[in-house]
Amino acid sequence: MKEKSLISVLFIALCSVQCDPWLLGPDETQVTIESNLATPALKNDGLQVSSPAEQGVDPEILERTVRYITDNNPSHIHSVLIVRHNKLLLESYFDGWNDKRRHDLRSATKSFTSCLVGIAIDQKIIPGTNTPVYSYFNGPESFANPDDRKTRMTIRNFLEMRTGLDCNDEVSASPGNEEKMYEERDWSKFILDLPAAGEPGTRFSYCTGSPVVLGNIVARASGRSVPDFADTFLFSPLGITDYQWESIPNGDTDTGGHLHLYPRDMAKFGMLYLNNGKWNGAQIVSQEWVHESTLPRLSPYGNKGEGYAWLWWTVEGMHGDKKLNYYYANGNGGQLIFVIPDLDAVIVFTGGNFNARSSTVKGIMGLLLSAFGE
């Protein structure tokens, strides 16, 4: 999606008590190729490490990929991490980035919001995905543009970006475009005030306000702030301790974007889904939610094999002569968490290719997948 407006950028910078390193630009310390190709460091963060060959991944292809990114990086890839069979086997950094710097996940944050909704439903804090959205906001009569269609909006509609509201981040003139939302104090009210443009559940329209409202629902239903809820039920169980959410002007949490994490912690989130919601034997989010929230449910742009689930993107492709289905969190600039159950793998990218129409990441991804054996 588009960059935030200048006012929003200034707001974020002024409201942050401590600047995240991403605001400061690349570090001058370049990670060497030798370090990028070495077995990742074993740290006290819950990740086990291994060499690629031990996990059936071709080290020569990985080396060729790392060297290509080092010498030719038009997509401004900042990191690539690969996990297979629950072992971290590649951890490479580029363009001055390293493992000591958090990344702004941009819209990849939305997949974390989906997980929080799932946890709240697992705990019966939220009854289910068919729950009316306005039931958490004193009813539709408290908002502008009353319309019977709006009363039928459910949590599922917001997970699928099929709210029926006149909100489209890909159309600058849309009343609900994210750039307009960023200028408001209360983003949830801004979205729920929008006029209806169609029946809920019928038409996909990418709207960052949808997961913003969902995060607000999690907070209202649980009686906790989003950071508190996420820390208690997701991040702490995963051993993720150093991260940052951004706040919006009224003090709510931006659950549509801009969660800041280290790439290794992004990999752990992917592994949680790869392992059907379990981490170290503990069920963090139900297997049912992992399955339901990552099923291809619609094809937003009519591209064969590309779909959308519940705040996750999906792919139906091939690996050799076999079908390969996987899903991923996707953030502007190249913040990507690919979960590939068919290969028992997670692949993470971070990057700085903001608002670019073309990218070499798809080619890099294809090359990496070719390294995986049976």
Protein backbone atom coordinates (compact mmCIF):
# COMPACT_ATOMS: atom_id res chain seq x y z
CA MET A 1 0.00 0.00 0.00
CA LYS A 2 1.00 3.62 -0.23
CA GLU A 3 3.38 5.44 2.05
CA LYS A 4 1.77 7.32 4.91
CA SER A 5 1.28 11.05 4.50
CA LEU A 6 3.89 13.50 5.80
CA ILE A 7 1.63 14.40 8.73
CA SER A 8 1.34 10.76 9.74
CA VAL A 9 5.08 10.19 9.46
CA LEU A 10 5.74 13.21 11.67
CA PHE A 11 3.14 12.00 14.13
CA ILE A 12 4.78 8.59 14.40
CA ALA A 13 8.21 10.10 14.88
CA LEU A 14 7.07 12.59 17.51
CA CYS A 15 4.97 10.10 19.45
CA SER A 16 7.66 7.40 19.66
CA VAL A 17 9.50 7.61 22.95
CA GLN A 18 12.41 5.73 21.41
CA CYS A 19 13.17 5.71 17.71
CA ASP A 20 13.25 2.27 16.19
CA PRO A 21 16.42 1.71 14.14
CA TRP A 22 14.35 1.50 10.93
CA LEU A 23 13.83 5.28 11.19
CA LEU A 24 17.56 5.87 11.13
CA GLY A 25 18.37 4.22 7.79
CA PRO A 26 20.79 1.40 7.05
CA ASP A 27 23.61 0.58 9.42
CA GLU A 28 27.06 1.18 7.95
CA THR A 29 28.19 -2.28 9.08
CA GLN A 30 27.75 -4.66 6.15
CA VAL A 31 27.27 -8.33 6.96
CA THR A 32 29.81 -10.38 5.01
CA ILE A 33 28.93 -13.10 2.52
CA GLU A 34 30.80 -15.59 4.69
CA SER A 35 28.61 -14.71 7.67
CA ASN A 36 25.48 -14.82 5.53
CA LEU A 37 26.32 -18.34 4.37
CA ALA A 38 27.39 -19.68 7.75
CA THR A 39 25.07 -21.77 9.93
CA PRO A 40 22.91 -19.24 11.84
CA ALA A 41 23.90 -18.44 15.39
CA LEU A 42 22.28 -20.43 18.17
CA LYS A 43 20.70 -17.89 20.51
CA ASN A 44 18.50 -18.09 23.57
CA ASP A 45 15.37 -17.30 21.54
CA GLY A 46 13.83 -20.75 21.05
CA LEU A 47 15.13 -21.28 17.53
CA GLN A 48 17.17 -24.36 16.71
CA VAL A 49 19.72 -24.12 13.89
CA SER A 50 21.10 -26.44 11.25
CA SER A 51 22.99 -26.50 7.98
CA PRO A 52 20.94 -26.52 4.75
CA ALA A 53 22.23 -29.91 3.62
CA GLU A 54 21.13 -31.57 6.86
CA GLN A 55 17.56 -30.45 6.11
CA GLY A 56 17.51 -31.46 2.46
CA VAL A 57 18.12 -27.99 1.02
CA ASP A 58 20.76 -27.46 -1.66
CA PRO A 59 23.50 -25.20 -0.20
CA GLU A 60 24.85 -24.35 -3.65
CA ILE A 61 21.55 -22.79 -4.71
CA LEU A 62 21.39 -20.85 -1.46
CA GLU A 63 24.93 -19.59 -1.96
CA ARG A 64 24.15 -18.55 -5.51
CA THR A 65 21.06 -16.70 -4.27
CA VAL A 66 22.91 -14.89 -1.49
CA ARG A 67 25.68 -13.83 -3.84
CA TYR A 68 23.16 -12.60 -6.40
CA ILE A 69 21.37 -10.45 -3.81
CA THR A 70 24.70 -9.09 -2.57
CA ASP A 71 25.77 -8.04 -6.07
CA ASN A 72 22.36 -7.23 -7.59
CA ASN A 73 19.66 -6.03 -5.25
CA PRO A 74 17.13 -3.93 -7.19
CA SER A 75 14.35 -4.92 -4.78
CA HIS A 76 16.38 -3.67 -1.79
CA ILE A 77 16.08 -6.96 0.09
CA HIS A 78 17.25 -6.48 3.67
CA SER A 79 17.13 -10.05 4.92
CA VAL A 80 16.30 -13.62 3.93
CA LEU A 81 15.72 -16.35 6.51
CA ILE A 82 14.83 -19.99 5.85
CA VAL A 83 13.44 -22.53 8.29
CA ARG A 84 12.94 -26.18 7.42
CA HIS A 85 11.90 -29.03 9.69
CA ASN A 86 11.80 -26.41 12.48
CA LYS A 87 15.48 -25.56 12.06
CA LEU A 88 16.81 -22.14 11.02
CA LEU A 89 19.28 -22.90 8.24
CA LEU A 90 19.82 -19.55 6.51
CA GLU A 91 19.97 -16.06 8.03
CA SER A 92 21.35 -13.48 5.61
CA TYR A 93 21.32 -9.67 5.76
CA PHE A 94 21.95 -7.07 3.06
CA ASP A 95 22.18 -3.32 2.45
CA GLY A 96 23.60 -2.62 5.88
CA TRP A 97 20.92 -4.47 7.85
CA ASN A 98 21.67 -7.06 10.55
CA ASP A 99 20.06 -9.23 13.21
CA LYS A 100 20.11 -6.43 15.79
CA ARG A 101 17.58 -4.27 13.96
CA ARG A 102 13.81 -4.56 14.04
CA HIS A 103 11.81 -4.13 10.86
CA ASP A 104 8.54 -2.30 10.27
CA LEU A 105 6.28 -5.09 8.99
CA ARG A 106 3.84 -2.71 7.32
CA SER A 107 0.78 -4.70 6.18
CA ALA A 108 2.29 -8.05 7.19
CA THR A 109 1.01 -6.88 10.58
CA LYS A 110 -2.49 -7.76 9.36
CA SER A 111 -1.72 -11.50 9.60
CA PHE A 112 -0.79 -11.03 13.26
CA THR A 113 -4.13 -9.30 13.78
CA SER A 114 -5.85 -12.32 12.23
CA CYS A 115 -4.05 -14.51 14.77
CA LEU A 116 -5.21 -12.31 17.66
CA VAL A 117 -8.80 -12.59 16.47
CA GLY A 118 -8.36 -16.37 16.36
CA ILE A 119 -6.99 -16.48 19.89
CA ALA A 120 -9.91 -14.36 21.13
CA ILE A 121 -12.37 -16.74 19.44
CA ASP A 122 -10.53 -19.77 20.85
CA GLN A 123 -10.94 -18.27 24.32
CA LYS A 124 -14.62 -17.53 23.62
CA ILE A 125 -13.97 -13.86 24.25
CA ILE A 126 -15.45 -13.34 20.78
CA PRO A 127 -18.29 -15.77 19.90
CA GLY A 128 -17.16 -16.39 16.32
CA THR A 129 -16.54 -14.93 12.89
CA ASN A 130 -20.26 -14.40 12.26
CA THR A 131 -20.47 -11.93 15.14
CA PRO A 132 -21.81 -8.52 13.99
CA VAL A 133 -19.10 -5.89 14.02
CA TYR A 134 -21.33 -3.10 15.33
CA SER A 135 -22.19 -5.15 18.43
CA TYR A 136 -18.88 -3.94 19.87
CA PHE A 137 -19.53 -0.28 19.07
CA ASN A 138 -22.93 0.55 20.61
CA GLY A 139 -24.79 -0.37 17.43
CA PRO A 140 -24.86 1.18 13.96
CA GLU A 141 -27.06 4.05 15.11
CA SER A 142 -23.96 5.59 16.73
CA PHE A 143 -22.33 6.08 13.30
CA ALA A 144 -22.86 8.08 10.12
CA ASN A 145 -24.44 6.85 6.90
CA PRO A 146 -27.01 4.43 8.36
CA ASP A 147 -27.77 1.55 6.02
CA ASP A 148 -29.30 -1.88 6.58
CA ARG A 149 -26.37 -3.44 4.74
CA LYS A 150 -23.98 -2.11 7.37
CA THR A 151 -25.92 -3.85 10.15
CA ARG A 152 -25.08 -7.17 8.47
CA MET A 153 -21.29 -6.70 8.54
CA THR A 154 -19.52 -9.47 10.46
CA ILE A 155 -16.03 -10.14 11.73
CA ARG A 156 -15.59 -12.60 8.86
CA ASN A 157 -16.37 -9.85 6.34
CA PHE A 158 -13.58 -7.74 7.84
CA LEU A 159 -11.14 -10.66 7.85
CA GLU A 160 -11.82 -11.22 4.14
CA MET A 161 -11.74 -7.52 3.16
CA ARG A 162 -15.34 -7.88 1.98
CA THR A 163 -16.96 -5.39 4.34
CA GLY A 164 -19.27 -3.77 1.81
CA LEU A 165 -18.03 -0.36 2.94
CA ASP A 166 -16.80 2.27 0.49
CA CYS A 167 -13.14 1.69 1.36
CA ASN A 168 -10.39 0.88 -1.12
CA ASP A 169 -6.74 1.65 -0.45
CA GLU A 170 -5.95 1.07 -4.13
CA VAL A 171 -8.20 3.96 -5.25
CA SER A 172 -7.06 7.36 -4.00
CA ALA A 173 -10.55 8.86 -4.38
CA SER A 174 -12.16 6.17 -2.21
CA PRO A 175 -13.78 7.70 0.89
CA GLY A 176 -12.13 5.05 3.08
CA ASN A 177 -8.65 5.16 1.50
CA GLU A 178 -5.98 4.69 4.16
CA GLU A 179 -4.45 8.11 3.48
CA LYS A 180 -7.71 9.73 4.56
CA MET A 181 -7.92 7.49 7.63
CA TYR A 182 -4.44 8.51 8.79
CA GLU A 183 -5.59 12.11 9.12
CA GLU A 184 -8.32 11.16 11.60
CA ARG A 185 -8.09 10.81 15.37
CA ASP A 186 -10.30 7.70 15.73
CA TRP A 187 -9.61 5.30 12.85
CA SER A 188 -12.27 2.74 13.81
CA LYS A 189 -14.96 5.42 13.89
CA PHE A 190 -13.74 6.73 10.54
CA ILE A 191 -14.18 3.28 8.98
CA LEU A 192 -17.51 2.50 10.61
CA ASP A 193 -18.85 5.92 9.56
CA LEU A 194 -18.25 5.13 5.89
CA PRO A 195 -21.18 4.68 3.51
CA ALA A 196 -22.02 1.20 2.25
CA ALA A 197 -20.96 0.45 -1.32
CA GLY A 198 -22.37 -3.06 -1.56
CA GLU A 199 -23.62 -6.07 0.34
CA PRO A 200 -21.12 -7.40 2.92
CA GLY A 201 -19.35 -10.57 1.83
CA THR A 202 -19.72 -10.03 -1.91
CA ARG A 203 -16.81 -7.91 -3.18
CA PHE A 204 -13.12 -7.78 -2.19
CA SER A 205 -11.78 -4.30 -1.52
CA TYR A 206 -8.39 -3.93 0.15
CA CYS A 207 -8.96 -1.70 3.17
CA THR A 208 -6.37 -1.22 5.94
CA GLY A 209 -9.16 0.01 8.18
CA SER A 210 -10.61 -3.52 8.33
CA PRO A 211 -7.89 -5.02 10.59
CA VAL A 212 -7.78 -1.74 12.53
CA VAL A 213 -11.42 -2.31 13.49
CA LEU A 214 -10.70 -5.99 14.25
CA GLY A 215 -7.89 -5.05 16.61
CA ASN A 216 -10.24 -2.64 18.37
CA ILE A 217 -12.80 -5.44 18.72
CA VAL A 218 -10.19 -7.71 20.34
CA ALA A 219 -9.37 -4.94 22.80
CA ARG A 220 -13.02 -4.20 23.61
CA ALA A 221 -13.99 -7.85 23.92
CA SER A 222 -11.04 -8.76 26.14
CA GLY A 223 -10.91 -5.59 28.23
CA ARG A 224 -7.18 -5.37 27.46
CA SER A 225 -5.15 -3.18 25.17
CA VAL A 226 -3.95 -4.89 22.00
CA PRO A 227 -0.29 -4.80 23.13
CA ASP A 228 -1.26 -6.38 26.46
CA PHE A 229 -3.44 -9.04 24.85
CA ALA A 230 -0.82 -9.84 22.21
CA ASP A 231 2.00 -9.98 24.73
CA THR A 232 0.10 -12.28 27.09
CA PHE A 233 -1.31 -14.74 24.58
CA LEU A 234 1.03 -14.59 21.57
CA PHE A 235 4.40 -12.91 21.95
CA SER A 236 5.40 -14.05 25.43
CA PRO A 237 4.53 -17.69 24.69
CA LEU A 238 6.70 -17.43 21.54
CA GLY A 239 9.56 -15.89 23.50
CA ILE A 240 9.23 -12.60 21.59
CA THR A 241 10.14 -9.86 24.03
CA ASP A 242 11.56 -6.95 22.01
CA TYR A 243 8.98 -5.49 19.63
CA GLN A 244 6.91 -2.38 19.09
CA TRP A 245 3.34 -1.58 18.13
CA GLU A 246 2.48 1.89 16.89
CA SER A 247 -0.41 3.88 18.31
CA ILE A 248 -2.96 5.97 16.47
CA PRO A 249 -3.92 9.51 17.59
CA ASN A 250 -6.70 8.46 20.00
CA GLY A 251 -4.42 5.95 21.74
CA ASP A 252 -5.71 2.78 20.05
CA THR A 253 -3.22 0.40 18.42
CA ASP A 254 -2.48 0.34 14.71
CA THR A 255 -3.34 -3.28 13.91
CA GLY A 256 -3.41 -2.59 10.18
CA GLY A 257 0.33 -2.08 9.90
CA HIS A 258 3.62 -1.03 11.47
CA LEU A 259 4.32 -3.75 13.99
CA HIS A 260 8.11 -3.81 14.45
CA LEU A 261 9.85 -7.18 14.84
CA TYR A 262 13.22 -8.81 14.30
CA PRO A 263 13.35 -11.15 11.29
CA ARG A 264 14.04 -14.14 13.57
CA ASP A 265 10.82 -13.39 15.45
CA MET A 266 8.96 -13.11 12.14
CA ALA A 267 10.22 -16.64 11.42
CA LYS A 268 8.89 -17.85 14.77
CA PHE A 269 5.44 -16.54 13.94
CA GLY A 270 5.57 -18.41 10.64
CA MET A 271 6.67 -21.55 12.47
CA LEU A 272 3.69 -21.23 14.82
CA TYR A 273 1.41 -21.58 11.80
CA LEU A 274 3.56 -24.25 10.19
CA ASN A 275 3.09 -26.31 13.36
CA ASN A 276 -0.69 -25.88 13.43
CA GLY A 277 -0.70 -23.27 16.16
CA LYS A 278 1.75 -24.99 18.51
CA TRP A 279 5.03 -23.72 19.92
CA ASN A 280 7.20 -25.95 22.08
CA GLY A 281 4.25 -28.27 22.62
CA ALA A 282 1.88 -25.53 23.76
CA GLN A 283 -1.22 -24.68 21.70
CA ILE A 284 -1.06 -20.89 21.24
CA VAL A 285 -3.82 -20.62 18.63
CA SER A 286 -6.06 -23.50 17.66
CA GLN A 287 -5.32 -25.79 14.75
CA GLU A 288 -8.83 -25.06 13.52
CA TRP A 289 -8.08 -21.34 13.30
CA VAL A 290 -4.76 -21.90 11.52
CA HIS A 291 -6.57 -24.05 8.96
CA GLU A 292 -9.65 -21.88 8.48
CA SER A 293 -7.79 -18.56 8.39
CA THR A 294 -5.36 -19.65 5.67
CA LEU A 295 -7.77 -21.37 3.26
CA PRO A 296 -7.93 -19.69 -0.16
CA ARG A 297 -11.37 -18.08 -0.10
CA LEU A 298 -11.36 -15.70 -3.04
CA SER A 299 -9.23 -14.49 -5.94
CA PRO A 300 -9.14 -10.70 -5.50
CA TYR A 301 -7.54 -9.81 -8.81
CA GLY A 302 -8.49 -12.79 -10.94
CA ASN A 303 -4.92 -14.11 -11.10
CA LYS A 304 -4.85 -17.88 -11.36
CA GLY A 305 -3.36 -19.49 -8.27
CA GLU A 306 -3.33 -16.28 -6.21
CA GLY A 307 -5.92 -15.82 -3.48
CA TYR A 308 -6.84 -14.23 -0.19
CA ALA A 309 -7.83 -15.87 3.08
CA TRP A 310 -8.39 -14.17 6.47
CA LEU A 311 -5.72 -11.45 6.30
CA TRP A 312 -3.30 -13.87 4.65
CA TRP A 313 -2.46 -14.16 0.93
CA THR A 314 -2.46 -17.62 -0.65
CA VAL A 315 -0.68 -19.30 -3.57
CA GLU A 316 -1.50 -22.47 -5.50
CA GLY A 317 1.53 -23.39 -7.58
CA MET A 318 3.87 -26.21 -8.52
CA HIS A 319 7.11 -27.62 -7.12
CA GLY A 320 8.54 -29.75 -9.85
CA ASP A 321 5.68 -31.96 -10.99
CA LYS A 322 3.77 -31.68 -7.70
CA LYS A 323 1.26 -29.12 -6.50
CA LEU A 324 2.56 -26.66 -3.95
CA ASN A 325 0.10 -24.67 -1.82
CA TYR A 326 1.25 -22.06 0.64
CA TYR A 327 0.29 -18.74 2.20
CA TYR A 328 2.05 -15.59 3.30
CA ALA A 329 1.90 -12.33 5.22
CA ASN A 330 2.66 -9.42 2.91
CA GLY A 331 3.87 -5.93 3.78
CA ASN A 332 4.83 -2.96 1.61
CA GLY A 333 8.53 -2.86 0.77
CA GLY A 334 9.02 -6.62 0.84
CA GLN A 335 8.07 -7.70 4.38
CA LEU A 336 7.05 -11.31 3.76
CA ILE A 337 6.47 -14.42 5.87
CA PHE A 338 5.90 -17.46 3.63
CA VAL A 339 4.48 -20.56 5.33
CA ILE A 340 4.91 -23.63 3.10
CA PRO A 341 3.43 -26.73 4.78
CA ASP A 342 4.08 -28.94 1.73
CA LEU A 343 7.83 -28.37 2.20
CA ASP A 344 7.70 -28.05 6.00
CA ALA A 345 9.30 -24.63 5.59
CA VAL A 346 9.08 -20.95 6.43
CA ILE A 347 10.82 -18.27 4.36
CA VAL A 348 11.10 -14.69 5.60
CA PHE A 349 12.03 -11.57 3.65
CA THR A 350 12.41 -7.99 4.81
CA GLY A 351 13.12 -5.11 2.46
CA GLY A 352 12.92 -1.48 1.47
CA ASN A 353 11.32 -1.65 -1.96
CA PHE A 354 8.43 0.61 -0.97
CA ASN A 355 5.56 1.32 -3.37
CA ALA A 356 7.34 -0.46 -6.22
CA ARG A 357 5.30 -2.08 -8.96
CA SER A 358 8.03 -4.50 -10.02
CA SER A 359 10.11 -6.74 -7.80
CA THR A 360 12.68 -9.48 -8.12
CA VAL A 361 11.47 -11.12 -4.91
CA LYS A 362 9.23 -13.52 -6.87
CA GLY A 363 12.25 -14.66 -8.86
CA ILE A 364 14.32 -15.03 -5.69
CA MET A 365 11.49 -17.00 -4.10
CA GLY A 366 11.36 -19.32 -7.10
CA LEU A 367 15.10 -19.90 -6.92
CA LEU A 368 14.93 -20.65 -3.20
CA LEU A 369 12.10 -23.13 -3.68
CA SER A 370 14.17 -24.96 -6.29
CA ALA A 371 16.71 -25.69 -3.53
CA PHE A 372 14.25 -27.83 -1.59
CA GLY A 373 14.40 -31.57 -1.98
CA GLU A 374 11.70 -33.99 -0.93
